[in-house]
Amino acid sequence: MSHVEGLDGAEVRLDVACRVYEAMSEALARDVDDLVVVTHGYAATFVVAAWIGMPIEAAGHVAFHVRSGSITTLREDDFFHNRAVLAVGETAHLQR
């Protein structure tokens, strides 16, 4: 997660993950029934990883590929508060 691509000042994957995890923590602390998160495809991996509670150290081992304009649906169970990934990168709405 700390691999440097050779560009001065460029963020490494860990930097992006830390920013996304912090933003998700703040967003999930809100007392709302529904939440919409808009992000680039690269950062979407970290949104899903944070949602399911994956330790940030392990997030470098996963990639959830999403197309531009796609929708990923996440849901928390009202009773047990389990978090589910219902759909990743759905694009059916783009076919209309």
N, C-alpha and C. Protein backbone atom coordinates (compact mmCIF):
# COMPACT_ATOMS: atom_id res chain seq x y z
N MET A 1 0.82 -1.20 0.00
CA MET A 1 0.00 0.00 0.00
C MET A 1 0.86 1.26 0.00
N SER A 2 2.13 1.13 0.23
CA SER A 2 3.01 2.30 0.28
C SER A 2 3.94 2.38 -0.92
N HIS A 3 3.65 1.63 -1.97
CA HIS A 3 4.49 1.64 -3.17
C HIS A 3 4.47 3.02 -3.81
N VAL A 4 5.64 3.57 -4.09
CA VAL A 4 5.76 4.87 -4.73
C VAL A 4 5.87 4.67 -6.24
N GLU A 5 5.00 5.35 -6.97
CA GLU A 5 4.96 5.21 -8.43
C GLU A 5 6.05 6.00 -9.13
N GLY A 6 6.81 6.81 -8.40
CA GLY A 6 7.89 7.58 -9.00
C GLY A 6 7.55 9.03 -9.30
N LEU A 7 6.34 9.45 -8.98
CA LEU A 7 5.94 10.84 -9.20
C LEU A 7 6.08 11.62 -7.90
N ASP A 8 6.85 12.68 -7.92
CA ASP A 8 7.04 13.49 -6.73
C ASP A 8 5.71 14.02 -6.22
N GLY A 9 5.45 13.82 -4.93
CA GLY A 9 4.25 14.33 -4.29
C GLY A 9 3.00 13.51 -4.52
N ALA A 10 3.09 12.45 -5.30
CA ALA A 10 1.90 11.64 -5.56
C ALA A 10 1.51 10.85 -4.31
N GLU A 11 0.22 10.70 -4.11
CA GLU A 11 -0.26 9.89 -2.99
C GLU A 11 0.00 8.43 -3.27
N VAL A 12 0.36 7.71 -2.24
CA VAL A 12 0.43 6.25 -2.35
C VAL A 12 -0.94 5.70 -1.98
N ARG A 13 -1.17 4.46 -2.32
CA ARG A 13 -2.47 3.81 -2.08
C ARG A 13 -2.90 3.94 -0.62
N LEU A 14 -1.95 3.83 0.31
CA LEU A 14 -2.27 3.94 1.74
C LEU A 14 -2.82 5.33 2.08
N ASP A 15 -2.27 6.37 1.46
CA ASP A 15 -2.77 7.73 1.71
C ASP A 15 -4.23 7.86 1.30
N VAL A 16 -4.55 7.33 0.12
CA VAL A 16 -5.93 7.39 -0.36
C VAL A 16 -6.84 6.59 0.57
N ALA A 17 -6.40 5.40 0.94
CA ALA A 17 -7.20 4.55 1.83
C ALA A 17 -7.46 5.26 3.16
N CYS A 18 -6.46 5.88 3.72
CA CYS A 18 -6.64 6.60 5.00
C CYS A 18 -7.67 7.71 4.87
N ARG A 19 -7.61 8.47 3.78
CA ARG A 19 -8.58 9.56 3.58
C ARG A 19 -9.99 9.02 3.42
N VAL A 20 -10.14 7.93 2.66
CA VAL A 20 -11.47 7.36 2.43
C VAL A 20 -12.00 6.74 3.72
N TYR A 21 -11.18 6.01 4.44
CA TYR A 21 -11.62 5.41 5.70
C TYR A 21 -12.08 6.49 6.69
N GLU A 22 -11.34 7.58 6.77
CA GLU A 22 -11.73 8.67 7.67
C GLU A 22 -13.06 9.29 7.23
N ALA A 23 -13.21 9.53 5.93
CA ALA A 23 -14.46 10.09 5.42
C ALA A 23 -15.63 9.15 5.67
N MET A 24 -15.41 7.85 5.47
CA MET A 24 -16.48 6.87 5.73
C MET A 24 -16.84 6.83 7.20
N SER A 25 -15.86 6.91 8.06
CA SER A 25 -16.12 6.91 9.50
C SER A 25 -17.00 8.11 9.88
N GLU A 26 -16.68 9.27 9.33
CA GLU A 26 -17.48 10.47 9.60
C GLU A 26 -18.89 10.33 9.01
N ALA A 27 -18.98 9.82 7.79
CA ALA A 27 -20.28 9.67 7.15
C ALA A 27 -21.17 8.68 7.89
N LEU A 28 -20.59 7.57 8.32
CA LEU A 28 -21.37 6.54 9.00
C LEU A 28 -21.76 6.93 10.42
N ALA A 29 -21.11 7.94 10.96
CA ALA A 29 -21.46 8.43 12.30
C ALA A 29 -22.71 9.31 12.27
N ARG A 30 -23.13 9.71 11.08
CA ARG A 30 -24.32 10.55 10.95
C ARG A 30 -25.58 9.74 11.26
N ASP A 31 -26.56 10.39 11.84
CA ASP A 31 -27.82 9.74 12.17
C ASP A 31 -28.79 9.92 10.99
N VAL A 32 -28.59 9.12 9.94
CA VAL A 32 -29.43 9.18 8.75
C VAL A 32 -29.84 7.77 8.35
N ASP A 33 -30.95 7.68 7.64
CA ASP A 33 -31.42 6.37 7.16
C ASP A 33 -30.75 5.98 5.85
N ASP A 34 -30.47 6.95 5.00
CA ASP A 34 -29.86 6.69 3.70
C ASP A 34 -28.67 7.63 3.52
N LEU A 35 -27.67 7.13 2.82
CA LEU A 35 -26.46 7.91 2.58
C LEU A 35 -25.97 7.62 1.17
N VAL A 36 -25.65 8.65 0.43
CA VAL A 36 -25.10 8.49 -0.92
C VAL A 36 -23.66 8.97 -0.88
N VAL A 37 -22.76 8.12 -1.35
CA VAL A 37 -21.34 8.45 -1.43
C VAL A 37 -20.96 8.45 -2.91
N VAL A 38 -20.40 9.53 -3.38
CA VAL A 38 -19.97 9.63 -4.77
C VAL A 38 -18.45 9.69 -4.78
N THR A 39 -17.83 8.83 -5.59
CA THR A 39 -16.38 8.76 -5.62
C THR A 39 -15.89 8.28 -6.96
N HIS A 40 -14.61 8.34 -7.15
CA HIS A 40 -13.97 7.75 -8.33
C HIS A 40 -13.89 6.24 -8.12
N GLY A 41 -13.77 5.50 -9.21
CA GLY A 41 -13.71 4.05 -9.15
C GLY A 41 -12.57 3.53 -8.29
N TYR A 42 -11.42 4.16 -8.37
CA TYR A 42 -10.26 3.72 -7.59
C TYR A 42 -10.56 3.77 -6.09
N ALA A 43 -11.17 4.86 -5.65
CA ALA A 43 -11.48 5.03 -4.23
C ALA A 43 -12.65 4.16 -3.78
N ALA A 44 -13.47 3.70 -4.73
CA ALA A 44 -14.63 2.88 -4.37
C ALA A 44 -14.21 1.61 -3.64
N THR A 45 -13.07 1.06 -3.98
CA THR A 45 -12.57 -0.12 -3.28
C THR A 45 -12.46 0.16 -1.79
N PHE A 46 -11.97 1.32 -1.43
CA PHE A 46 -11.78 1.65 -0.03
C PHE A 46 -13.10 1.99 0.67
N VAL A 47 -14.07 2.50 -0.09
CA VAL A 47 -15.40 2.73 0.48
C VAL A 47 -16.01 1.39 0.90
N VAL A 48 -15.96 0.40 0.01
CA VAL A 48 -16.51 -0.92 0.32
C VAL A 48 -15.72 -1.58 1.44
N ALA A 49 -14.40 -1.49 1.40
CA ALA A 49 -13.57 -2.11 2.43
C ALA A 49 -13.86 -1.50 3.80
N ALA A 50 -14.00 -0.19 3.86
CA ALA A 50 -14.33 0.47 5.13
C ALA A 50 -15.72 0.05 5.60
N TRP A 51 -16.66 -0.05 4.65
CA TRP A 51 -18.04 -0.43 4.98
C TRP A 51 -18.10 -1.79 5.66
N ILE A 52 -17.35 -2.75 5.14
CA ILE A 52 -17.41 -4.10 5.70
C ILE A 52 -16.48 -4.28 6.90
N GLY A 53 -15.76 -3.21 7.26
CA GLY A 53 -14.91 -3.27 8.44
C GLY A 53 -13.57 -3.95 8.19
N MET A 54 -13.15 -4.00 6.94
CA MET A 54 -11.85 -4.60 6.63
C MET A 54 -10.75 -3.72 7.21
N PRO A 55 -9.81 -4.32 7.94
CA PRO A 55 -8.70 -3.52 8.44
C PRO A 55 -7.97 -2.84 7.29
N ILE A 56 -7.58 -1.61 7.48
CA ILE A 56 -6.95 -0.85 6.41
C ILE A 56 -5.69 -1.54 5.89
N GLU A 57 -5.01 -2.27 6.75
CA GLU A 57 -3.80 -2.98 6.34
C GLU A 57 -4.11 -4.06 5.31
N ALA A 58 -5.32 -4.61 5.34
CA ALA A 58 -5.72 -5.67 4.42
C ALA A 58 -6.33 -5.11 3.13
N ALA A 59 -6.67 -3.84 3.10
CA ALA A 59 -7.35 -3.25 1.96
C ALA A 59 -6.48 -3.22 0.71
N GLY A 60 -5.20 -3.39 0.87
CA GLY A 60 -4.32 -3.45 -0.29
C GLY A 60 -4.40 -4.74 -1.05
N HIS A 61 -5.14 -5.71 -0.53
CA HIS A 61 -5.26 -7.02 -1.15
C HIS A 61 -6.56 -7.19 -1.94
N VAL A 62 -7.38 -6.14 -2.00
CA VAL A 62 -8.66 -6.25 -2.70
C VAL A 62 -8.80 -5.13 -3.73
N ALA A 63 -9.65 -5.38 -4.71
CA ALA A 63 -10.00 -4.36 -5.69
C ALA A 63 -11.42 -4.62 -6.15
N PHE A 64 -12.27 -3.64 -5.98
CA PHE A 64 -13.64 -3.71 -6.47
C PHE A 64 -13.70 -2.81 -7.69
N HIS A 65 -13.68 -3.40 -8.87
CA HIS A 65 -13.67 -2.62 -10.11
C HIS A 65 -15.06 -2.12 -10.42
N VAL A 66 -15.17 -0.81 -10.57
CA VAL A 66 -16.46 -0.20 -10.90
C VAL A 66 -16.27 0.72 -12.10
N ARG A 67 -17.24 0.72 -12.98
CA ARG A 67 -17.22 1.59 -14.15
C ARG A 67 -17.72 2.98 -13.78
N SER A 68 -17.35 3.95 -14.58
CA SER A 68 -17.86 5.31 -14.39
C SER A 68 -19.38 5.30 -14.46
N GLY A 69 -20.00 6.00 -13.53
CA GLY A 69 -21.45 6.10 -13.51
C GLY A 69 -22.16 4.90 -12.93
N SER A 70 -21.41 3.92 -12.47
CA SER A 70 -22.04 2.71 -11.91
C SER A 70 -22.49 2.96 -10.47
N ILE A 71 -23.31 2.05 -9.99
CA ILE A 71 -23.87 2.15 -8.64
C ILE A 71 -23.50 0.90 -7.85
N THR A 72 -22.95 1.13 -6.67
CA THR A 72 -22.67 0.05 -5.72
C THR A 72 -23.65 0.23 -4.57
N THR A 73 -24.34 -0.83 -4.19
CA THR A 73 -25.35 -0.75 -3.15
C THR A 73 -24.90 -1.50 -1.91
N LEU A 74 -24.88 -0.78 -0.80
CA LEU A 74 -24.48 -1.33 0.49
C LEU A 74 -25.65 -1.18 1.45
N ARG A 75 -25.86 -2.16 2.29
CA ARG A 75 -27.00 -2.08 3.20
C ARG A 75 -26.62 -2.64 4.57
N GLU A 76 -27.15 -1.99 5.60
CA GLU A 76 -26.95 -2.48 6.98
C GLU A 76 -28.27 -3.03 7.50
N ASP A 77 -28.22 -4.22 8.04
CA ASP A 77 -29.38 -4.87 8.62
C ASP A 77 -29.85 -4.09 9.85
N ASP A 78 -31.15 -3.81 9.93
CA ASP A 78 -31.68 -3.04 11.05
C ASP A 78 -31.62 -3.76 12.39
N PHE A 79 -31.62 -5.07 12.37
CA PHE A 79 -31.68 -5.83 13.62
C PHE A 79 -30.28 -6.16 14.15
N PHE A 80 -29.49 -6.86 13.35
CA PHE A 80 -28.15 -7.28 13.79
C PHE A 80 -27.07 -6.27 13.44
N HIS A 81 -27.40 -5.32 12.58
CA HIS A 81 -26.46 -4.30 12.10
C HIS A 81 -25.30 -4.90 11.30
N ASN A 82 -25.57 -6.05 10.66
CA ASN A 82 -24.60 -6.62 9.72
C ASN A 82 -24.57 -5.75 8.48
N ARG A 83 -23.41 -5.64 7.89
CA ARG A 83 -23.26 -4.83 6.68
C ARG A 83 -23.09 -5.74 5.48
N ALA A 84 -23.89 -5.49 4.46
CA ALA A 84 -23.87 -6.32 3.26
C ALA A 84 -23.47 -5.49 2.04
N VAL A 85 -22.84 -6.17 1.10
CA VAL A 85 -22.55 -5.59 -0.21
C VAL A 85 -23.54 -6.24 -1.16
N LEU A 86 -24.56 -5.49 -1.56
CA LEU A 86 -25.64 -6.04 -2.38
C LEU A 86 -25.30 -6.04 -3.86
N ALA A 87 -24.59 -5.03 -4.31
CA ALA A 87 -24.22 -4.93 -5.72
C ALA A 87 -22.97 -4.06 -5.84
N VAL A 88 -22.10 -4.44 -6.76
CA VAL A 88 -20.88 -3.67 -7.01
C VAL A 88 -20.84 -3.30 -8.49
N GLY A 89 -20.78 -2.00 -8.75
CA GLY A 89 -20.60 -1.52 -10.12
C GLY A 89 -21.74 -1.81 -11.06
N GLU A 90 -22.98 -1.76 -10.59
CA GLU A 90 -24.14 -2.00 -11.45
C GLU A 90 -24.26 -0.90 -12.51
N THR A 91 -24.55 -1.29 -13.74
CA THR A 91 -24.64 -0.32 -14.83
C THR A 91 -25.94 -0.42 -15.62
N ALA A 92 -26.90 -1.21 -15.17
CA ALA A 92 -28.15 -1.39 -15.92
C ALA A 92 -28.85 -0.05 -16.20
N HIS A 93 -28.75 0.88 -15.27
CA HIS A 93 -29.40 2.17 -15.45
C HIS A 93 -28.78 2.98 -16.59
N LEU A 94 -27.59 2.63 -17.03
CA LEU A 94 -26.92 3.34 -18.11
C LEU A 94 -27.38 2.87 -19.49
N GLN A 95 -28.10 1.75 -19.53
CA GLN A 95 -28.53 1.16 -20.80
C GLN A 95 -29.81 1.77 -21.33
N ARG A 96 -30.45 2.62 -20.61
CA ARG A 96 -31.75 3.20 -21.01
C ARG A 96 -31.61 4.18 -22.11
